[in-house]
Amino acid sequence: MMSTEDIKDLLYRKLKEVYYGIPVYKDRHPPYKKGKVPERIVVHMGTMSNTPWSMGYANINILVPCLESMGYKTPNNTRLNELQQIAERNFLSCYFEYGGNRGKYSIEDLSTEEDPDTDSYFVNVRLFIKVANLSLIHI
């Protein structure tokens, strides 16, 4: 059976590969000072059902600092769009094998949201995950 920590680790590794150079964190990112907020990615995992096909959801938040070029904070829509397109290409529908487990994840929803606490906006990639929780019996 694949745990939620295994899935976070799988997604963490994939994100490090796909978004090379952007820090990736599990569950939450470290605190930042206003005005010194970098791009970063946070992967969250919900619960998984414990059935022959375990199913659950993960959220990938790709955070981008606000622009202040107009005298007030605005989303960096060009960068958010670029990062969203990378997510669509790499996470739309993927089969995986990890630690002897097989499964599939696919994008269920994409949105752009504000994180006012860190002067950022983020692309939220919601993934539906389905993992085979079956073992074959040899007779």
Protein backbone atom coordinates (compact mmCIF):
# COMPACT_ATOMS: atom_id res chain seq x y z
CA MET A 1 0.00 0.00 0.00
CA MET A 2 1.22 3.49 -0.82
CA SER A 3 1.07 6.04 2.01
CA THR A 4 0.28 9.72 1.69
CA GLU A 5 3.94 10.43 2.54
CA ASP A 6 4.99 8.18 -0.38
CA ILE A 7 2.76 10.19 -2.71
CA LYS A 8 4.13 13.50 -1.42
CA ASP A 9 7.65 12.15 -2.00
CA LEU A 10 6.75 11.03 -5.54
CA LEU A 11 5.30 14.46 -6.36
CA TYR A 12 8.20 16.25 -4.64
CA ARG A 13 10.70 14.43 -6.85
CA LYS A 14 8.67 15.12 -10.00
CA LEU A 15 8.33 18.81 -9.10
CA LYS A 16 12.10 19.16 -8.47
CA GLU A 17 12.67 17.72 -11.95
CA VAL A 18 9.98 19.72 -13.78
CA TYR A 19 10.53 23.06 -12.00
CA TYR A 20 14.31 22.88 -11.73
CA GLY A 21 15.68 25.67 -9.57
CA ILE A 22 12.45 26.52 -7.73
CA PRO A 23 12.46 25.33 -4.08
CA VAL A 24 9.89 22.62 -3.34
CA TYR A 25 8.45 21.94 0.10
CA LYS A 26 6.12 19.35 1.58
CA ASP A 27 3.10 20.63 3.52
CA ARG A 28 4.27 24.27 3.99
CA HIS A 29 7.04 26.68 3.13
CA PRO A 30 9.30 28.50 5.58
CA PRO A 31 8.36 32.04 6.64
CA TYR A 32 9.66 34.90 4.51
CA LYS A 33 10.15 38.61 5.13
CA LYS A 34 7.97 41.01 3.18
CA GLY A 35 9.71 42.11 0.01
CA LYS A 36 12.05 39.10 -0.01
CA VAL A 37 9.63 36.39 -1.12
CA PRO A 38 10.99 33.92 -3.69
CA GLU A 39 9.12 31.66 -6.05
CA ARG A 40 8.42 28.34 -4.33
CA ILE A 41 6.27 25.24 -4.58
CA VAL A 42 4.37 23.48 -1.81
CA VAL A 43 2.79 20.04 -2.16
CA HIS A 44 -0.06 19.02 0.17
CA MET A 45 -1.66 15.60 0.38
CA GLY A 46 -5.12 14.78 1.70
CA THR A 47 -6.25 11.40 2.97
CA MET A 48 -6.41 8.31 0.77
CA SER A 49 -9.21 5.77 0.81
CA ASN A 50 -8.21 2.28 1.90
CA THR A 51 -9.88 0.20 -0.79
CA PRO A 52 -8.55 -2.02 -3.60
CA TRP A 53 -8.07 1.23 -5.53
CA SER A 54 -6.91 3.88 -3.05
CA MET A 55 -8.03 7.32 -4.15
CA GLY A 56 -7.36 10.81 -2.90
CA TYR A 57 -6.29 14.34 -3.77
CA ALA A 58 -3.10 16.35 -3.67
CA ASN A 59 -2.64 20.08 -4.13
CA ILE A 60 0.43 21.60 -5.69
CA ASN A 61 0.74 25.33 -4.98
CA ILE A 62 3.20 27.16 -7.24
CA LEU A 63 3.76 30.55 -5.59
CA VAL A 64 4.98 33.66 -7.41
CA PRO A 65 5.74 37.01 -5.71
CA CYS A 66 3.53 39.98 -6.62
CA LEU A 67 4.71 42.71 -8.95
CA GLU A 68 4.90 46.26 -7.61
CA SER A 69 5.80 48.06 -10.82
CA MET A 70 2.56 50.06 -10.89
CA GLY A 71 2.89 51.35 -7.33
CA TYR A 72 0.66 48.61 -5.91
CA LYS A 73 0.78 44.82 -5.75
CA THR A 74 -0.51 42.92 -8.79
CA PRO A 75 -0.21 39.29 -9.84
CA ASN A 76 2.63 38.40 -12.21
CA ASN A 77 0.18 36.93 -14.72
CA THR A 78 2.84 36.20 -17.34
CA ARG A 79 4.85 34.06 -14.92
CA LEU A 80 1.75 32.42 -13.40
CA ASN A 81 0.58 31.48 -16.91
CA GLU A 82 4.00 30.06 -17.81
CA LEU A 83 4.11 27.91 -14.65
CA GLN A 84 0.52 26.74 -15.18
CA GLN A 85 1.35 25.62 -18.73
CA ILE A 86 4.30 23.61 -17.40
CA ALA A 87 1.95 21.95 -14.90
CA GLU A 88 -0.57 21.12 -17.63
CA ARG A 89 2.14 19.48 -19.77
CA ASN A 90 3.61 17.45 -16.94
CA PHE A 91 0.68 16.56 -14.67
CA LEU A 92 -2.36 16.37 -16.96
CA SER A 93 -2.57 12.57 -16.87
CA CYS A 94 0.38 10.46 -15.72
CA TYR A 95 0.87 6.82 -14.84
CA PHE A 96 3.55 6.05 -12.27
CA GLU A 97 5.32 3.23 -10.50
CA TYR A 98 6.82 3.97 -7.12
CA GLY A 99 8.12 1.55 -4.51
CA GLY A 100 6.39 -1.37 -6.21
CA ASN A 101 3.06 0.47 -6.39
CA ARG A 102 1.33 1.56 -9.56
CA GLY A 103 -1.12 4.32 -10.06
CA LYS A 104 -2.22 7.39 -11.93
CA TYR A 105 -2.58 11.06 -11.16
CA SER A 106 -4.40 13.61 -13.25
CA ILE A 107 -5.26 17.27 -13.01
CA GLU A 108 -8.78 17.74 -11.74
CA ASP A 109 -8.71 21.50 -11.34
CA LEU A 110 -6.45 24.49 -11.95
CA SER A 111 -6.92 27.91 -10.38
CA THR A 112 -4.98 31.06 -9.54
CA GLU A 113 -5.35 32.37 -6.02
CA GLU A 114 -3.87 35.07 -3.81
CA ASP A 115 -1.67 34.46 -0.74
CA PRO A 116 -1.78 37.92 0.89
CA ASP A 117 0.31 36.77 3.87
CA THR A 118 3.38 36.48 1.62
CA ASP A 119 2.52 39.03 -1.09
CA SER A 120 2.18 36.22 -3.62
CA TYR A 121 -0.25 34.63 -6.01
CA PHE A 122 -0.19 30.94 -6.76
CA VAL A 123 -1.29 28.40 -9.28
CA ASN A 124 -3.20 25.68 -7.43
CA VAL A 125 -2.98 22.34 -9.24
CA ARG A 126 -5.45 19.87 -7.74
CA LEU A 127 -4.53 16.28 -8.61
CA PHE A 128 -6.78 13.24 -8.40
CA ILE A 129 -4.66 10.22 -7.43
CA LYS A 130 -5.59 6.58 -7.86
CA VAL A 131 -3.25 3.82 -6.64
CA ALA A 132 -3.65 0.07 -7.11
CA ASN A 133 -3.88 -1.39 -3.61
CA LEU A 134 -4.08 -4.94 -4.88
CA SER A 135 -1.84 -7.93 -4.41
CA LEU A 136 -1.96 -10.90 -6.72
CA ILE A 137 -2.33 -14.30 -5.10
CA HIS A 138 -0.19 -17.04 -6.65
CA ILE A 139 -1.76 -20.48 -6.55
